[in-house]
N, C-alpha and C. Protein backbone atom coordinates (compact mmCIF):
# COMPACT_ATOMS: atom_id res chain seq x y z
N UNK A 1 98.93 126.41 178.63
CA UNK A 1 100.19 126.89 178.09
C UNK A 1 100.55 128.24 178.71
N UNK A 2 101.84 128.52 178.78
CA UNK A 2 102.30 129.76 179.39
C UNK A 2 103.61 130.21 178.72
N UNK A 3 103.71 131.50 178.44
CA UNK A 3 104.96 132.09 177.95
C UNK A 3 105.92 132.22 179.13
N UNK A 4 107.16 131.81 178.92
CA UNK A 4 108.18 131.90 179.96
C UNK A 4 108.64 133.35 180.07
N UNK A 5 108.26 134.01 181.15
CA UNK A 5 108.62 135.41 181.35
C UNK A 5 110.13 135.60 181.36
N UNK A 6 110.85 134.65 181.94
CA UNK A 6 112.30 134.78 182.08
C UNK A 6 113.04 134.60 180.76
N UNK A 7 112.38 134.02 179.76
CA UNK A 7 113.03 133.78 178.47
C UNK A 7 112.83 134.93 177.49
N UNK A 8 111.98 135.90 177.83
CA UNK A 8 111.70 137.00 176.90
C UNK A 8 112.93 137.88 176.75
N UNK A 9 113.29 138.19 175.51
CA UNK A 9 114.39 139.11 175.22
C UNK A 9 113.81 140.48 174.89
N UNK A 10 114.27 141.49 175.62
CA UNK A 10 113.81 142.86 175.42
C UNK A 10 114.92 143.69 174.78
N UNK A 11 114.54 144.62 173.93
CA UNK A 11 115.51 145.53 173.32
C UNK A 11 115.76 146.75 174.19
N UNK A 12 114.97 146.94 175.23
CA UNK A 12 115.10 148.11 176.09
C UNK A 12 114.71 147.73 177.50
N UNK A 13 115.25 148.47 178.47
CA UNK A 13 114.89 148.26 179.86
C UNK A 13 113.44 148.69 180.09
N UNK A 14 112.90 148.30 181.23
CA UNK A 14 111.51 148.67 181.54
C UNK A 14 111.33 150.18 181.52
N UNK A 15 112.29 150.90 182.07
CA UNK A 15 112.20 152.36 182.08
C UNK A 15 112.30 152.93 180.67
N UNK A 16 113.18 152.37 179.85
CA UNK A 16 113.40 152.90 178.51
C UNK A 16 112.26 152.60 177.54
N UNK A 17 111.46 151.59 177.84
CA UNK A 17 110.37 151.26 176.92
C UNK A 17 109.04 151.89 177.33
N UNK A 18 109.03 152.67 178.39
CA UNK A 18 107.80 153.35 178.80
C UNK A 18 107.37 154.33 177.72
N UNK A 19 106.06 154.32 177.42
CA UNK A 19 105.46 155.24 176.44
C UNK A 19 105.95 155.01 175.02
N UNK A 20 106.55 153.84 174.75
CA UNK A 20 106.93 153.51 173.39
C UNK A 20 106.02 152.41 172.86
N UNK A 21 105.78 152.36 171.54
CA UNK A 21 105.03 151.23 170.98
C UNK A 21 105.80 149.93 171.19
N UNK A 22 105.08 148.83 171.15
CA UNK A 22 105.66 147.51 171.38
C UNK A 22 105.53 146.66 170.12
N UNK A 23 106.60 145.95 169.79
CA UNK A 23 106.61 145.02 168.66
C UNK A 23 107.02 143.66 169.18
N UNK A 24 106.13 142.67 169.05
CA UNK A 24 106.43 141.30 169.47
C UNK A 24 107.08 140.54 168.33
N UNK A 25 108.15 139.80 168.63
CA UNK A 25 108.83 138.95 167.67
C UNK A 25 108.49 137.49 167.99
N UNK A 26 108.04 136.75 166.97
CA UNK A 26 107.55 135.38 167.13
C UNK A 26 108.35 134.47 166.20
N UNK A 27 109.21 133.66 166.77
CA UNK A 27 110.12 132.83 165.97
C UNK A 27 109.39 131.67 165.29
N UNK A 28 110.13 130.96 164.44
CA UNK A 28 109.57 129.84 163.71
C UNK A 28 109.69 128.52 164.47
N UNK A 29 109.24 127.46 163.81
CA UNK A 29 109.21 126.12 164.40
C UNK A 29 110.62 125.63 164.74
N UNK A 30 110.76 125.04 165.91
CA UNK A 30 112.02 124.43 166.37
C UNK A 30 113.15 125.46 166.47
N UNK A 31 112.77 126.69 166.81
CA UNK A 31 113.74 127.75 167.01
C UNK A 31 113.55 128.31 168.42
N UNK A 32 114.03 129.53 168.66
CA UNK A 32 113.90 130.11 170.00
C UNK A 32 113.89 131.63 169.90
N UNK A 33 113.80 132.26 171.06
CA UNK A 33 113.64 133.71 171.14
C UNK A 33 114.86 134.49 170.63
N UNK A 34 116.02 133.84 170.52
CA UNK A 34 117.21 134.55 170.04
C UNK A 34 117.20 134.75 168.53
N UNK A 35 116.42 133.95 167.82
CA UNK A 35 116.48 133.94 166.36
C UNK A 35 116.14 135.31 165.77
N UNK A 36 114.90 135.74 165.91
CA UNK A 36 114.49 137.01 165.31
C UNK A 36 115.07 138.22 166.04
N UNK A 37 115.54 138.02 167.27
CA UNK A 37 116.11 139.14 168.00
C UNK A 37 117.35 139.69 167.29
N UNK A 38 117.95 138.86 166.45
CA UNK A 38 119.08 139.33 165.66
C UNK A 38 118.71 140.41 164.65
N UNK A 39 117.41 140.58 164.38
CA UNK A 39 116.96 141.63 163.47
C UNK A 39 116.90 142.99 164.16
N UNK A 40 117.01 143.01 165.48
CA UNK A 40 116.80 144.25 166.24
C UNK A 40 117.58 145.44 165.71
N UNK A 41 118.89 145.30 165.37
CA UNK A 41 119.63 146.47 164.90
C UNK A 41 119.12 147.06 163.58
N UNK A 42 118.34 146.28 162.84
CA UNK A 42 117.90 146.71 161.52
C UNK A 42 116.47 147.22 161.51
N UNK A 43 115.74 147.03 162.60
CA UNK A 43 114.34 147.44 162.68
C UNK A 43 114.24 148.89 163.16
N UNK A 44 113.11 149.55 162.93
CA UNK A 44 112.95 150.92 163.40
C UNK A 44 113.21 151.04 164.90
N UNK A 45 113.76 152.17 165.32
CA UNK A 45 114.16 152.36 166.71
C UNK A 45 113.00 152.65 167.63
N UNK A 46 111.91 153.19 167.10
CA UNK A 46 110.83 153.63 167.99
C UNK A 46 110.18 152.49 168.79
N UNK A 47 109.82 151.36 168.18
CA UNK A 47 109.18 150.32 168.99
C UNK A 47 110.18 149.62 169.91
N UNK A 48 109.74 149.34 171.12
CA UNK A 48 110.47 148.41 171.98
C UNK A 48 110.16 147.00 171.51
N UNK A 49 111.18 146.16 171.41
CA UNK A 49 111.01 144.80 170.92
C UNK A 49 110.95 143.82 172.08
N UNK A 50 110.05 142.86 171.98
CA UNK A 50 110.00 141.75 172.93
C UNK A 50 109.96 140.47 172.11
N UNK A 51 111.00 139.65 172.23
CA UNK A 51 111.07 138.39 171.50
C UNK A 51 110.68 137.26 172.44
N UNK A 52 109.60 136.56 172.09
CA UNK A 52 109.04 135.54 172.96
C UNK A 52 109.51 134.15 172.57
N UNK A 53 109.59 133.27 173.57
CA UNK A 53 109.86 131.86 173.32
C UNK A 53 108.54 131.11 173.25
N UNK A 54 108.34 130.35 172.18
CA UNK A 54 107.12 129.55 172.05
C UNK A 54 107.02 128.54 173.20
N UNK A 55 105.79 128.16 173.59
CA UNK A 55 105.62 127.37 174.81
C UNK A 55 105.78 125.86 174.66
N UNK A 56 105.96 125.35 173.44
CA UNK A 56 106.03 123.90 173.25
C UNK A 56 107.46 123.48 172.95
N UNK A 57 107.99 122.54 173.71
CA UNK A 57 109.33 122.00 173.46
C UNK A 57 109.28 121.13 172.21
N UNK A 58 110.07 121.51 171.18
CA UNK A 58 110.06 120.79 169.91
C UNK A 58 111.33 119.99 169.67
N UNK A 59 112.14 119.81 170.70
CA UNK A 59 113.37 119.03 170.54
C UNK A 59 114.58 119.93 170.60
N UNK A 60 115.00 120.43 169.44
CA UNK A 60 116.14 121.35 169.40
C UNK A 60 115.73 122.77 169.79
N UNK A 61 114.48 123.09 169.61
CA UNK A 61 113.97 124.42 169.91
C UNK A 61 112.54 124.33 170.41
N UNK A 62 111.75 125.33 170.02
CA UNK A 62 110.39 125.44 170.55
C UNK A 62 109.40 125.68 169.41
N UNK A 63 108.14 125.38 169.68
CA UNK A 63 107.10 125.51 168.66
C UNK A 63 105.86 126.16 169.26
N UNK A 64 105.09 126.80 168.39
CA UNK A 64 103.83 127.40 168.79
C UNK A 64 102.67 126.41 168.68
N UNK A 65 102.79 125.48 167.76
CA UNK A 65 101.74 124.47 167.58
C UNK A 65 102.32 123.29 166.82
N UNK A 66 101.67 122.11 166.91
CA UNK A 66 102.17 120.95 166.16
C UNK A 66 102.16 121.21 164.65
N UNK A 67 103.06 120.55 163.94
CA UNK A 67 103.09 120.68 162.50
C UNK A 67 101.75 120.24 161.89
N UNK A 68 101.35 120.91 160.83
CA UNK A 68 100.07 120.58 160.20
C UNK A 68 100.05 119.15 159.68
N UNK A 69 101.22 118.63 159.32
CA UNK A 69 101.29 117.25 158.84
C UNK A 69 100.92 116.25 159.92
N UNK A 70 100.96 116.67 161.17
CA UNK A 70 100.58 115.80 162.29
C UNK A 70 99.10 115.86 162.60
N UNK A 71 98.37 116.67 161.85
CA UNK A 71 96.92 116.77 162.04
C UNK A 71 96.49 118.22 162.14
N UNK A 72 95.57 118.62 161.26
CA UNK A 72 95.16 120.02 161.21
C UNK A 72 94.43 120.45 162.46
N UNK A 73 93.58 119.57 163.01
CA UNK A 73 92.84 119.95 164.21
C UNK A 73 93.78 120.24 165.38
N UNK A 74 94.81 119.41 165.52
CA UNK A 74 95.78 119.63 166.60
C UNK A 74 96.57 120.91 166.37
N UNK A 75 96.89 121.20 165.11
CA UNK A 75 97.63 122.43 164.81
C UNK A 75 96.80 123.66 165.15
N UNK A 76 95.53 123.67 164.76
CA UNK A 76 94.68 124.82 165.03
C UNK A 76 94.44 124.98 166.52
N UNK A 77 94.19 123.87 167.22
CA UNK A 77 93.98 123.94 168.67
C UNK A 77 95.24 124.42 169.38
N UNK A 78 96.40 123.95 168.94
CA UNK A 78 97.65 124.37 169.54
C UNK A 78 97.93 125.85 169.30
N UNK A 79 97.64 126.32 168.09
CA UNK A 79 97.85 127.73 167.77
C UNK A 79 96.94 128.62 168.62
N UNK A 80 95.72 128.18 168.82
CA UNK A 80 94.81 128.98 169.65
C UNK A 80 95.30 129.02 171.09
N UNK A 81 95.75 127.89 171.61
CA UNK A 81 96.25 127.85 172.99
C UNK A 81 97.49 128.72 173.14
N UNK A 82 98.39 128.68 172.17
CA UNK A 82 99.58 129.51 172.24
C UNK A 82 99.24 130.99 172.10
N UNK A 83 98.29 131.31 171.24
CA UNK A 83 97.87 132.70 171.10
C UNK A 83 97.27 133.22 172.41
N UNK A 84 96.48 132.38 173.07
CA UNK A 84 95.94 132.79 174.36
C UNK A 84 97.05 132.98 175.39
N UNK A 85 98.08 132.14 175.32
CA UNK A 85 99.22 132.29 176.23
C UNK A 85 99.93 133.63 176.00
N UNK A 86 100.03 134.06 174.74
CA UNK A 86 100.63 135.36 174.45
C UNK A 86 99.76 136.48 175.02
N UNK A 87 98.45 136.36 174.85
CA UNK A 87 97.56 137.38 175.42
C UNK A 87 97.66 137.41 176.94
N UNK A 88 97.76 136.25 177.55
CA UNK A 88 97.93 136.20 179.01
C UNK A 88 99.24 136.88 179.42
N UNK A 89 100.31 136.66 178.63
CA UNK A 89 101.58 137.32 178.92
C UNK A 89 101.46 138.83 178.81
N UNK A 90 100.76 139.30 177.78
CA UNK A 90 100.54 140.73 177.64
C UNK A 90 99.76 141.28 178.83
N UNK A 91 98.77 140.53 179.30
CA UNK A 91 98.00 140.96 180.47
C UNK A 91 98.88 141.09 181.71
N UNK A 92 99.86 140.18 181.83
CA UNK A 92 100.77 140.25 182.97
C UNK A 92 101.79 141.37 182.84
N UNK A 93 102.20 141.65 181.61
CA UNK A 93 103.37 142.48 181.38
C UNK A 93 103.03 143.92 181.00
N UNK A 94 102.12 144.09 180.07
CA UNK A 94 101.72 145.43 179.60
C UNK A 94 100.19 145.48 179.51
N UNK A 95 99.50 145.38 180.64
CA UNK A 95 98.05 145.19 180.62
C UNK A 95 97.26 146.32 179.98
N UNK A 96 97.80 147.52 179.95
CA UNK A 96 97.04 148.64 179.40
C UNK A 96 97.47 149.02 177.98
N UNK A 97 98.46 148.31 177.43
CA UNK A 97 98.99 148.71 176.13
C UNK A 97 98.17 148.13 174.99
N UNK A 98 97.88 148.96 174.01
CA UNK A 98 97.22 148.52 172.78
C UNK A 98 98.07 148.99 171.61
N UNK A 99 97.58 148.76 170.40
CA UNK A 99 98.35 149.17 169.23
C UNK A 99 99.66 148.43 169.08
N UNK A 100 99.70 147.19 169.55
CA UNK A 100 100.93 146.40 169.54
C UNK A 100 101.16 145.83 168.14
N UNK A 101 102.41 145.80 167.70
CA UNK A 101 102.77 145.20 166.42
C UNK A 101 103.23 143.77 166.59
N UNK A 102 103.12 143.00 165.53
CA UNK A 102 103.49 141.59 165.52
C UNK A 102 104.40 141.32 164.33
N UNK A 103 105.50 140.61 164.58
CA UNK A 103 106.40 140.20 163.49
C UNK A 103 106.78 138.75 163.72
N UNK A 104 106.35 137.89 162.80
CA UNK A 104 106.62 136.47 162.95
C UNK A 104 107.21 135.87 161.69
N UNK A 105 108.05 134.87 161.89
CA UNK A 105 108.66 134.14 160.78
C UNK A 105 108.11 132.72 160.74
N UNK A 106 107.69 132.25 159.55
CA UNK A 106 107.25 130.89 159.34
C UNK A 106 106.06 130.57 160.27
N UNK A 107 106.22 129.61 161.18
CA UNK A 107 105.14 129.30 162.11
C UNK A 107 104.80 130.53 162.97
N UNK A 108 105.80 131.34 163.27
CA UNK A 108 105.55 132.57 163.99
C UNK A 108 104.72 133.56 163.19
N UNK A 109 104.86 133.53 161.86
CA UNK A 109 104.02 134.35 161.00
C UNK A 109 102.56 133.92 161.08
N UNK A 110 102.34 132.61 161.10
CA UNK A 110 100.98 132.09 161.29
C UNK A 110 100.42 132.54 162.64
N UNK A 111 101.28 132.55 163.67
CA UNK A 111 100.86 132.98 164.99
C UNK A 111 100.49 134.46 165.01
N UNK A 112 101.22 135.29 164.27
CA UNK A 112 100.87 136.70 164.20
C UNK A 112 99.45 136.88 163.70
N UNK A 113 99.07 136.11 162.69
CA UNK A 113 97.70 136.20 162.17
C UNK A 113 96.71 135.62 163.17
N UNK A 114 97.06 134.53 163.86
CA UNK A 114 96.16 133.97 164.87
C UNK A 114 95.88 134.98 165.97
N UNK A 115 96.89 135.74 166.37
CA UNK A 115 96.68 136.75 167.41
C UNK A 115 95.74 137.84 166.92
N UNK A 116 95.88 138.29 165.68
CA UNK A 116 94.93 139.24 165.14
C UNK A 116 93.52 138.67 165.17
N UNK A 117 93.39 137.39 164.87
CA UNK A 117 92.08 136.76 164.78
C UNK A 117 91.47 136.48 166.15
N UNK A 118 92.29 136.48 167.18
CA UNK A 118 91.80 136.23 168.53
C UNK A 118 91.46 137.53 169.25
N UNK A 119 92.25 138.58 169.05
CA UNK A 119 92.03 139.84 169.77
C UNK A 119 92.47 141.01 168.90
N UNK A 120 91.70 141.37 167.88
CA UNK A 120 92.13 142.44 166.96
C UNK A 120 92.23 143.81 167.62
N UNK A 121 91.54 144.01 168.76
CA UNK A 121 91.62 145.31 169.43
C UNK A 121 92.99 145.57 170.04
N UNK A 122 93.75 144.51 170.32
CA UNK A 122 95.03 144.66 171.01
C UNK A 122 96.15 145.06 170.05
N UNK A 123 96.00 144.77 168.78
CA UNK A 123 97.11 144.89 167.83
C UNK A 123 96.79 145.89 166.73
N UNK A 124 97.87 146.47 166.16
CA UNK A 124 97.66 147.45 165.10
C UNK A 124 98.15 146.97 163.74
N UNK A 125 99.05 145.98 163.69
CA UNK A 125 99.54 145.47 162.41
C UNK A 125 100.26 144.15 162.64
N UNK A 126 100.51 143.44 161.54
CA UNK A 126 101.25 142.18 161.61
C UNK A 126 102.17 142.07 160.42
N UNK A 127 103.36 141.50 160.66
CA UNK A 127 104.32 141.17 159.61
C UNK A 127 104.48 139.67 159.60
N UNK A 128 104.19 139.05 158.47
CA UNK A 128 104.22 137.60 158.32
C UNK A 128 105.30 137.28 157.28
N UNK A 129 106.42 136.75 157.75
CA UNK A 129 107.55 136.44 156.87
C UNK A 129 107.64 134.94 156.64
N UNK A 130 107.52 134.53 155.39
CA UNK A 130 107.58 133.11 155.02
C UNK A 130 106.57 132.29 155.82
N UNK A 131 105.44 132.90 156.12
CA UNK A 131 104.42 132.22 156.91
C UNK A 131 103.14 131.98 156.13
N UNK A 132 102.05 131.83 156.85
CA UNK A 132 100.79 131.42 156.23
C UNK A 132 99.66 131.68 157.22
N UNK A 133 98.43 131.52 156.75
CA UNK A 133 97.25 131.59 157.61
C UNK A 133 96.69 130.18 157.79
N UNK A 134 96.45 129.82 159.02
CA UNK A 134 95.82 128.52 159.29
C UNK A 134 94.37 128.54 158.79
N UNK A 135 93.88 127.39 158.33
CA UNK A 135 92.51 127.36 157.79
C UNK A 135 91.46 127.43 158.90
N UNK A 136 90.21 127.55 158.47
CA UNK A 136 89.09 127.57 159.40
C UNK A 136 88.64 128.97 159.73
N UNK A 137 87.52 129.05 160.45
CA UNK A 137 86.95 130.32 160.85
C UNK A 137 87.32 130.62 162.30
N UNK A 138 87.47 131.91 162.62
CA UNK A 138 87.70 132.37 163.98
C UNK A 138 86.64 133.42 164.31
N UNK A 139 86.42 133.61 165.61
CA UNK A 139 85.35 134.50 166.04
C UNK A 139 85.51 135.93 165.52
N UNK A 140 86.75 136.40 165.42
CA UNK A 140 87.00 137.79 165.04
C UNK A 140 87.24 137.99 163.55
N UNK A 141 87.07 136.95 162.75
CA UNK A 141 87.34 137.10 161.31
C UNK A 141 86.46 138.18 160.69
N UNK A 142 85.21 138.24 161.12
CA UNK A 142 84.32 139.27 160.60
C UNK A 142 84.81 140.67 160.94
N UNK A 143 85.33 140.84 162.15
CA UNK A 143 85.89 142.12 162.55
C UNK A 143 87.07 142.49 161.66
N UNK A 144 87.91 141.51 161.36
CA UNK A 144 89.07 141.78 160.52
C UNK A 144 88.65 142.19 159.12
N UNK A 145 87.57 141.64 158.61
CA UNK A 145 87.06 142.05 157.31
C UNK A 145 86.69 143.53 157.33
N UNK A 146 86.12 143.98 158.45
CA UNK A 146 85.71 145.39 158.55
C UNK A 146 86.89 146.31 158.84
N UNK A 147 87.74 145.91 159.78
CA UNK A 147 88.82 146.79 160.23
C UNK A 147 89.99 146.82 159.27
N UNK A 148 90.24 145.70 158.58
CA UNK A 148 91.31 145.61 157.56
C UNK A 148 92.63 146.15 158.11
N UNK A 149 93.12 145.55 159.20
CA UNK A 149 94.38 145.97 159.78
C UNK A 149 95.53 145.74 158.79
N UNK A 150 96.57 146.56 158.83
CA UNK A 150 97.69 146.39 157.89
C UNK A 150 98.45 145.09 158.16
N UNK A 151 98.70 144.34 157.11
CA UNK A 151 99.48 143.10 157.19
C UNK A 151 100.50 143.10 156.05
N UNK A 152 101.75 142.84 156.41
CA UNK A 152 102.81 142.61 155.42
C UNK A 152 103.04 141.11 155.33
N UNK A 153 102.99 140.59 154.11
CA UNK A 153 103.25 139.16 153.89
C UNK A 153 104.34 139.04 152.84
N UNK A 154 105.50 138.58 153.28
CA UNK A 154 106.62 138.38 152.37
C UNK A 154 106.98 136.91 152.25
N UNK A 155 107.29 136.47 151.04
CA UNK A 155 107.68 135.07 150.83
C UNK A 155 108.58 134.99 149.60
N UNK A 156 109.35 133.90 149.52
CA UNK A 156 110.27 133.71 148.43
C UNK A 156 109.78 132.69 147.42
N UNK A 157 110.24 132.84 146.18
CA UNK A 157 109.83 131.90 145.13
C UNK A 157 110.49 130.53 145.30
N UNK A 158 111.58 130.45 146.06
CA UNK A 158 112.30 129.18 146.23
C UNK A 158 112.04 128.55 147.60
N UNK A 159 110.99 128.99 148.29
CA UNK A 159 110.66 128.42 149.60
C UNK A 159 110.05 127.03 149.41
N UNK A 160 110.75 126.00 149.89
CA UNK A 160 110.28 124.62 149.77
C UNK A 160 109.74 124.09 151.10
N UNK A 161 109.60 124.95 152.10
CA UNK A 161 109.18 124.50 153.43
C UNK A 161 107.67 124.60 153.61
N UNK A 162 107.08 125.72 153.21
CA UNK A 162 105.66 125.93 153.41
C UNK A 162 104.89 125.25 152.28
N UNK A 163 103.93 124.42 152.64
CA UNK A 163 103.18 123.63 151.66
C UNK A 163 102.39 124.53 150.71
N UNK A 164 102.23 124.07 149.48
CA UNK A 164 101.55 124.85 148.45
C UNK A 164 100.11 125.14 148.84
N UNK A 165 99.43 124.18 149.49
CA UNK A 165 98.04 124.42 149.86
C UNK A 165 97.92 125.46 150.96
N UNK A 166 98.94 125.55 151.85
CA UNK A 166 98.93 126.59 152.87
C UNK A 166 99.11 127.97 152.23
N UNK A 167 99.98 128.06 151.23
CA UNK A 167 100.16 129.32 150.51
C UNK A 167 98.88 129.70 149.78
N UNK A 168 98.27 128.73 149.11
CA UNK A 168 97.04 129.01 148.36
C UNK A 168 95.93 129.50 149.29
N UNK A 169 95.80 128.86 150.45
CA UNK A 169 94.79 129.30 151.41
C UNK A 169 95.04 130.70 151.92
N UNK A 170 96.30 131.04 152.11
CA UNK A 170 96.66 132.38 152.58
C UNK A 170 96.38 133.42 151.51
N UNK A 171 96.67 133.07 150.26
CA UNK A 171 96.37 133.98 149.15
C UNK A 171 94.88 134.30 149.10
N UNK A 172 94.05 133.33 149.42
CA UNK A 172 92.60 133.54 149.43
C UNK A 172 92.16 134.35 150.65
N UNK A 173 92.77 134.07 151.82
CA UNK A 173 92.26 134.62 153.08
C UNK A 173 92.72 136.06 153.34
N UNK A 174 93.99 136.34 153.13
CA UNK A 174 94.54 137.62 153.58
C UNK A 174 93.92 138.85 152.91
N UNK A 175 93.71 138.86 151.60
CA UNK A 175 93.18 140.09 151.00
C UNK A 175 91.81 140.49 151.54
N UNK A 176 91.02 139.52 151.97
CA UNK A 176 89.68 139.81 152.48
C UNK A 176 89.67 140.18 153.95
N UNK A 177 90.80 140.00 154.66
CA UNK A 177 90.82 140.21 156.10
C UNK A 177 91.90 141.18 156.54
N UNK A 178 92.45 141.96 155.63
CA UNK A 178 93.52 142.89 155.99
C UNK A 178 93.68 143.93 154.91
N UNK A 179 94.44 144.97 155.24
CA UNK A 179 94.99 145.85 154.22
C UNK A 179 96.37 145.29 153.91
N UNK A 180 96.45 144.57 152.82
CA UNK A 180 97.59 143.68 152.58
C UNK A 180 98.67 144.34 151.75
N UNK A 181 99.90 144.18 152.23
CA UNK A 181 101.10 144.50 151.46
C UNK A 181 101.82 143.18 151.23
N UNK A 182 101.61 142.57 150.07
CA UNK A 182 102.17 141.26 149.76
C UNK A 182 103.37 141.42 148.84
N UNK A 183 104.48 140.79 149.21
CA UNK A 183 105.71 140.87 148.42
C UNK A 183 106.24 139.46 148.16
N UNK A 184 106.71 139.24 146.94
CA UNK A 184 107.31 137.97 146.56
C UNK A 184 108.74 138.26 146.10
N UNK A 185 109.70 137.48 146.62
CA UNK A 185 111.12 137.74 146.37
C UNK A 185 111.71 136.60 145.53
N UNK A 186 112.17 136.97 144.36
CA UNK A 186 112.71 135.99 143.41
C UNK A 186 113.94 135.31 143.98
N UNK A 187 113.91 133.97 143.99
CA UNK A 187 115.05 133.17 144.41
C UNK A 187 115.23 133.03 145.91
N UNK A 188 114.38 133.66 146.70
CA UNK A 188 114.51 133.57 148.15
C UNK A 188 113.94 132.25 148.64
N UNK A 189 114.72 131.52 149.45
CA UNK A 189 114.26 130.27 150.05
C UNK A 189 113.52 130.60 151.36
N UNK A 190 113.55 129.68 152.31
CA UNK A 190 112.82 129.87 153.57
C UNK A 190 113.70 130.71 154.50
N UNK A 191 113.69 132.00 154.27
CA UNK A 191 114.53 132.90 155.05
C UNK A 191 114.11 134.34 154.83
N UNK A 192 114.96 135.26 155.28
CA UNK A 192 114.68 136.69 155.18
C UNK A 192 115.85 137.34 154.46
N UNK A 193 115.57 138.06 153.39
CA UNK A 193 116.61 138.72 152.62
C UNK A 193 116.73 140.19 153.01
N UNK A 194 117.82 140.81 152.60
CA UNK A 194 118.00 142.25 152.86
C UNK A 194 116.92 143.09 152.19
N UNK A 195 116.57 142.82 150.92
CA UNK A 195 115.48 143.60 150.32
C UNK A 195 114.16 143.44 151.08
N UNK A 196 113.87 142.22 151.53
CA UNK A 196 112.64 142.01 152.29
C UNK A 196 112.68 142.78 153.60
N UNK A 197 113.80 142.72 154.30
CA UNK A 197 113.93 143.44 155.56
C UNK A 197 113.75 144.94 155.36
N UNK A 198 114.30 145.47 154.27
CA UNK A 198 114.12 146.90 153.97
C UNK A 198 112.64 147.22 153.74
N UNK A 199 111.93 146.32 153.06
CA UNK A 199 110.50 146.53 152.84
C UNK A 199 109.72 146.46 154.16
N UNK A 200 110.12 145.57 155.06
CA UNK A 200 109.48 145.47 156.37
C UNK A 200 109.66 146.76 157.16
N UNK A 201 110.88 147.29 157.16
CA UNK A 201 111.15 148.54 157.86
C UNK A 201 110.28 149.66 157.30
N UNK A 202 110.17 149.74 155.99
CA UNK A 202 109.32 150.75 155.37
C UNK A 202 107.86 150.58 155.74
N UNK A 203 107.40 149.33 155.79
CA UNK A 203 106.02 149.05 156.17
C UNK A 203 105.74 149.50 157.60
N UNK A 204 106.62 149.13 158.54
CA UNK A 204 106.41 149.49 159.94
C UNK A 204 106.43 151.01 160.12
N UNK A 205 107.35 151.66 159.46
CA UNK A 205 107.41 153.13 159.58
C UNK A 205 106.15 153.78 159.03
N UNK A 206 105.64 153.26 157.92
CA UNK A 206 104.41 153.82 157.34
C UNK A 206 103.22 153.61 158.27
N UNK A 207 103.11 152.42 158.87
CA UNK A 207 102.01 152.15 159.79
C UNK A 207 102.09 153.07 160.99
N UNK A 208 103.29 153.25 161.53
CA UNK A 208 103.46 154.12 162.69
C UNK A 208 103.16 155.57 162.35
N UNK A 209 103.51 156.00 161.15
CA UNK A 209 103.22 157.37 160.74
C UNK A 209 101.72 157.59 160.63
N UNK A 210 101.01 156.60 160.12
CA UNK A 210 99.55 156.72 160.00
C UNK A 210 98.88 156.73 161.37
N UNK A 211 99.50 156.02 162.35
CA UNK A 211 98.93 155.96 163.69
C UNK A 211 99.07 157.30 164.40
C-alpha cells in the first residue's frame, strides 16, 4: 500500500510549514482527503495540516481498511498495512519530524490509534472523532500504557454507525493506553458538532502548550 503524494492537501506551502508542528487529517470510510480539510479554518493556526487520502478504493471514496463486518482479521491486517503506508509517507516527506498530531474521523479515528500503536515515538497526540479502537494486541501497546499519550475521543449519543461492541472495546482500551479526554455529545449522530470542534481546538492548544 502507498499514500498518493499528489493527493495530499496541505494548509501551507513547503516554505511556510518549515519549523511548524504537523497535524495529519485522516478521513472516514468511503470519503476522501477533502472531507476533513474543511475543518482547517477552525483548527489552531500553529500546526501545518496535511490531509491524506486513504490507499484503498472503496467505490465512491477511499478506505483505510475493510469494514469489520467483512472480517475482523482482514480489517486489522488492512489497518496495519495502511498505517505502515502513512509511516512510509512520513519518511518520504518529513523524515526528521516527530511530535506529529493525528486527527481522524470514524475509520480515520481508528487509524489515528493504529498509528500510535505502531510508532508511538513519532506522534504526540491523537484526536479520534466518532471512531474506535480495533481489537487485539499490538507491539507498542505496552509502551502506550507507560507513555499515556494524550488522546481526545469524542462521540455522539445518536451515532448509529459505529457498532456497540466497537464502542465497548474502546471504552475498555483507551483509558489504559492514553491520557484520555473523552467527551459524549447529546443528540449528535455520526458527525462533528460545533461544541465538539471547540473542545478539539482546546485539546490541541493544551497539548501544544504542554509540549
